[in-house]
C-alpha atoms as a PDB file:
ATOM      1  CA  MET A   1      -0.019   0.044  -0.002  1.00  0.00           C
ATOM      2  CA  SER A   2       1.439   3.297  -0.792  1.00  0.00           C
ATOM      3  CA  SER A   3       2.014   6.015   1.844  1.00  0.00           C
ATOM      4  CA  SER A   4      -0.007   8.633   0.110  1.00  0.00           C
ATOM      5  CA  SER A   5      -2.730  10.519   2.036  1.00  0.00           C
ATOM      6  CA  PHE A   6      -6.503   9.653   2.084  1.00  0.00           C
ATOM      7  CA  ARG A   7      -6.874  13.020   0.553  1.00  0.00           C
ATOM      8  CA  ASP A   8      -5.168  11.646  -2.772  1.00  0.00           C
ATOM      9  CA  LEU A   9      -7.702   9.013  -3.227  1.00  0.00           C
ATOM     10  CA  ARG A  10     -10.313   9.841  -5.965  1.00  0.00           C
ATOM     11  CA  VAL A  11     -13.034   7.869  -4.155  1.00  0.00           C
ATOM     12  CA  TRP A  12     -12.422   9.867  -1.088  1.00  0.00           C
ATOM     13  CA  ARG A  13     -12.933  13.220  -2.907  1.00  0.00           C
ATOM     14  CA  GLU A  14     -16.004  11.816  -4.715  1.00  0.00           C
ATOM     15  CA  ALA A  15     -17.383  10.717  -1.279  1.00  0.00           C
ATOM     16  CA  MET A  16     -16.684  14.175   0.143  1.00  0.00           C
ATOM     17  CA  LYS A  17     -18.706  15.760  -2.847  1.00  0.00           C
ATOM     18  CA  LEU A  18     -21.550  13.414  -2.167  1.00  0.00           C
ATOM     19  CA  THR A  19     -21.668  14.181   1.502  1.00  0.00           C
ATOM     20  CA  ALA A  20     -21.711  17.956   0.889  1.00  0.00           C
ATOM     21  CA  GLU A  21     -24.692  17.379  -1.558  1.00  0.00           C
ATOM     22  CA  ILE A  22     -26.496  15.369   0.818  1.00  0.00           C
ATOM     23  CA  TYR A  23     -26.322  17.996   3.398  1.00  0.00           C
ATOM     24  CA  LYS A  24     -27.624  20.489   0.977  1.00  0.00           C
ATOM     25  CA  ARG A  25     -30.462  18.498  -0.177  1.00  0.00           C
ATOM     26  CA  THR A  26     -31.548  17.395   3.322  1.00  0.00           C
ATOM     27  CA  ALA A  27     -31.594  20.924   4.345  1.00  0.00           C
ATOM     28  CA  THR A  28     -35.151  20.983   2.565  1.00  0.00           C
ATOM     29  CA  PHE A  29     -36.607  17.927   4.328  1.00  0.00           C
ATOM     30  CA  PRO A  30     -39.546  18.703   6.684  1.00  0.00           C
ATOM     31  CA  LYS A  31     -38.685  19.858   9.975  1.00  0.00           C
ATOM     32  CA  HIS A  32     -40.244  16.859  11.756  1.00  0.00           C
ATOM     33  CA  GLU A  33     -37.662  14.723   9.972  1.00  0.00           C
ATOM     34  CA  LEU A  34     -34.759  16.592  11.602  1.00  0.00           C
ATOM     35  CA  TYR A  35     -33.900  13.657  13.990  1.00  0.00           C
ATOM     36  CA  GLY A  36     -35.313  11.116  11.692  1.00  0.00           C
ATOM     37  CA  LEU A  37     -34.530  10.365   8.068  1.00  0.00           C
ATOM     38  CA  SER A  38     -32.674  13.744   7.509  1.00  0.00           C
ATOM     39  CA  GLN A  39     -30.117  12.767  10.303  1.00  0.00           C
ATOM     40  CA  GLN A  40     -29.924   9.031   9.157  1.00  0.00           C
ATOM     41  CA  VAL A  41     -29.155  10.141   5.567  1.00  0.00           C
ATOM     42  CA  ARG A  42     -26.483  12.522   6.759  1.00  0.00           C
ATOM     43  CA  ARG A  43     -24.898  10.014   9.097  1.00  0.00           C
ATOM     44  CA  ALA A  44     -24.718   7.277   6.271  1.00  0.00           C
ATOM     45  CA  ALA A  45     -23.166   9.930   3.911  1.00  0.00           C
ATOM     46  CA  VAL A  46     -20.620  11.015   6.455  1.00  0.00           C
ATOM     47  CA  SER A  47     -19.421   7.313   7.198  1.00  0.00           C
ATOM     48  CA  ILE A  48     -18.424   6.842   3.651  1.00  0.00           C
ATOM     49  CA  PRO A  49     -15.531   9.242   3.392  1.00  0.00           C
ATOM     50  CA  SER A  50     -14.760   8.804   7.176  1.00  0.00           C
ATOM     51  CA  ASN A  51     -14.284   5.006   6.776  1.00  0.00           C
ATOM     52  CA  ILE A  52     -12.062   5.431   3.653  1.00  0.00           C
ATOM     53  CA  ALA A  53      -9.968   7.945   5.500  1.00  0.00           C
ATOM     54  CA  GLU A  54      -9.665   5.683   8.707  1.00  0.00           C
ATOM     55  CA  GLY A  55      -8.950   2.728   6.629  1.00  0.00           C
ATOM     56  CA  LYS A  56      -6.111   4.550   4.606  1.00  0.00           C
ATOM     57  CA  GLY A  57      -4.508   5.232   8.221  1.00  0.00           C
ATOM     58  CA  HIS A  58      -4.201   1.412   8.797  1.00  0.00           C
ATOM     59  CA  TYR A  59      -0.915  -0.312   7.980  1.00  0.00           C
ATOM     60  CA  SER A  60      -2.043  -3.137   5.714  1.00  0.00           C
ATOM     61  CA  ASP A  61      -4.109  -3.554   2.624  1.00  0.00           C
ATOM     62  CA  LYS A  62      -6.158  -6.163   4.343  1.00  0.00           C
ATOM     63  CA  GLU A  63      -7.320  -3.679   7.201  1.00  0.00           C
ATOM     64  CA  PHE A  64      -7.778  -1.072   4.584  1.00  0.00           C
ATOM     65  CA  SER A  65     -10.129  -3.166   2.605  1.00  0.00           C
ATOM     66  CA  HIS A  66     -12.135  -3.821   5.808  1.00  0.00           C
ATOM     67  CA  PHE A  67     -12.890  -0.295   6.155  1.00  0.00           C
ATOM     68  CA  LEU A  68     -13.655   0.114   2.264  1.00  0.00           C
ATOM     69  CA  TYR A  69     -16.288  -2.593   2.656  1.00  0.00           C
ATOM     70  CA  HIS A  70     -17.772  -0.542   5.710  1.00  0.00           C
ATOM     71  CA  ALA A  71     -17.875   2.415   3.554  1.00  0.00           C
ATOM     72  CA  ARG A  72     -19.623   0.262   0.724  1.00  0.00           C
ATOM     73  CA  GLY A  73     -22.044  -0.654   3.271  1.00  0.00           C
ATOM     74  CA  SER A  74     -22.731   2.854   4.284  1.00  0.00           C
ATOM     75  CA  LEU A  75     -23.180   3.781   0.701  1.00  0.00           C
ATOM     76  CA  LEU A  76     -25.775   1.000   0.235  1.00  0.00           C
ATOM     77  CA  GLU A  77     -27.744   2.209   3.374  1.00  0.00           C
ATOM     78  CA  LEU A  78     -27.550   5.786   1.944  1.00  0.00           C
ATOM     79  CA  GLN A  79     -28.913   4.593  -1.361  1.00  0.00           C
ATOM     80  CA  THR A  80     -31.847   3.023   0.623  1.00  0.00           C
ATOM     81  CA  GLN A  81     -32.514   5.937   2.397  1.00  0.00           C
ATOM     82  CA  LEU A  82     -32.704   8.060  -0.649  1.00  0.00           C
ATOM     83  CA  LEU A  83     -35.109   5.786  -2.305  1.00  0.00           C
ATOM     84  CA  ILE A  84     -37.350   6.367   0.967  1.00  0.00           C
ATOM     85  CA  ALA A  85     -36.815  10.156   0.861  1.00  0.00           C
ATOM     86  CA  GLU A  86     -37.960  10.174  -3.029  1.00  0.00           C
ATOM     87  CA  GLU A  87     -40.964   7.908  -2.201  1.00  0.00           C
ATOM     88  CA  LEU A  88     -41.968  10.301   0.560  1.00  0.00           C
ATOM     89  CA  GLU A  89     -41.453  13.125  -1.818  1.00  0.00           C
ATOM     90  CA  TYR A  90     -38.848  14.953   0.409  1.00  0.00           C
ATOM     91  CA  LEU A  91     -36.581  14.870  -2.950  1.00  0.00           C
ATOM     92  CA  SER A  92     -37.536  16.269  -6.280  1.00  0.00           C
ATOM     93  CA  LYS A  93     -37.028  13.570  -8.986  1.00  0.00           C
ATOM     94  CA  GLU A  94     -34.248  15.736 -10.307  1.00  0.00           C
ATOM     95  CA  ASP A  95     -32.375  15.634  -6.988  1.00  0.00           C
ATOM     96  CA  ALA A  96     -33.086  12.022  -6.504  1.00  0.00           C
ATOM     97  CA  LYS A  97     -31.457  11.342  -9.929  1.00  0.00           C
ATOM     98  CA  HIS A  98     -28.562  13.385  -9.347  1.00  0.00           C
ATOM     99  CA  LEU A  99     -27.856  11.936  -6.028  1.00  0.00           C
ATOM    100  CA  ALA A 100     -28.434   8.349  -7.326  1.00  0.00           C
ATOM    101  CA  GLU A 101     -25.804   9.106 -10.148  1.00  0.00           C
ATOM    102  CA  MET A 102     -23.290  10.411  -7.502  1.00  0.00           C
ATOM    103  CA  THR A 103     -23.826   7.411  -5.245  1.00  0.00           C
ATOM    104  CA  GLU A 104     -23.327   5.033  -8.231  1.00  0.00           C
ATOM    105  CA  ALA A 105     -20.037   6.838  -9.084  1.00  0.00           C
ATOM    106  CA  VAL A 106     -18.783   6.487  -5.527  1.00  0.00           C
ATOM    107  CA  GLY A 107     -19.768   2.735  -5.624  1.00  0.00           C
ATOM    108  CA  ARG A 108     -17.947   2.154  -8.806  1.00  0.00           C
ATOM    109  CA  ALA A 109     -14.876   3.874  -7.375  1.00  0.00           C
ATOM    110  CA  LEU A 110     -15.086   1.821  -4.124  1.00  0.00           C
ATOM    111  CA  ASN A 111     -15.522  -1.365  -5.970  1.00  0.00           C
ATOM    112  CA  GLY A 112     -12.549  -0.607  -8.183  1.00  0.00           C
ATOM    113  CA  LEU A 113     -10.271   0.117  -5.275  1.00  0.00           C
ATOM    114  CA  ILE A 114     -11.341  -2.972  -3.392  1.00  0.00           C
ATOM    115  CA  ASN A 115     -10.711  -4.983  -6.443  1.00  0.00           C
ATOM    116  CA  SER A 116      -7.342  -3.435  -6.995  1.00  0.00           C
ATOM    117  CA  LEU A 117      -6.398  -4.157  -3.380  1.00  0.00           C
ATOM    118  CA  ARG A 118      -7.655  -7.718  -3.781  1.00  0.00           C
ATOM    119  CA  HIS A 119      -5.435  -8.451  -6.801  1.00  0.00           C
ATOM    120  CA  GLU A 120      -2.258  -6.804  -5.295  1.00  0.00           C
ATOM    121  CA  ALA A 121      -2.972  -9.177  -2.280  1.00  0.00           C
ATOM    122  CA  ALA A 122      -3.179 -12.295  -4.688  1.00  0.00           C
END
């Protein structure tokens, strides 16, 4: 594993952009969701770049991969929550589509990094 910073990882940068978009979009959720779905969506989004960064700080690719799998789990949780928000009409169709595209891009980048670490270990 290279000694570069987590900030150098494209997937981390994409996850940070996604998290910022999530915060912007959830600001318009109904006030009664402040401690409900809005908070859960934000927590799942924050977990993605956080797990990538934490994993990058570990000393082995195996440990790093473990945190990447956690990030991917948070991403899937976020995608589910966004579908709920869309169903409840807390998100416009356009916002939902934009966020879905962003989550898919982060997912592809995560899968690519996980696969590259798996191949390096083989």
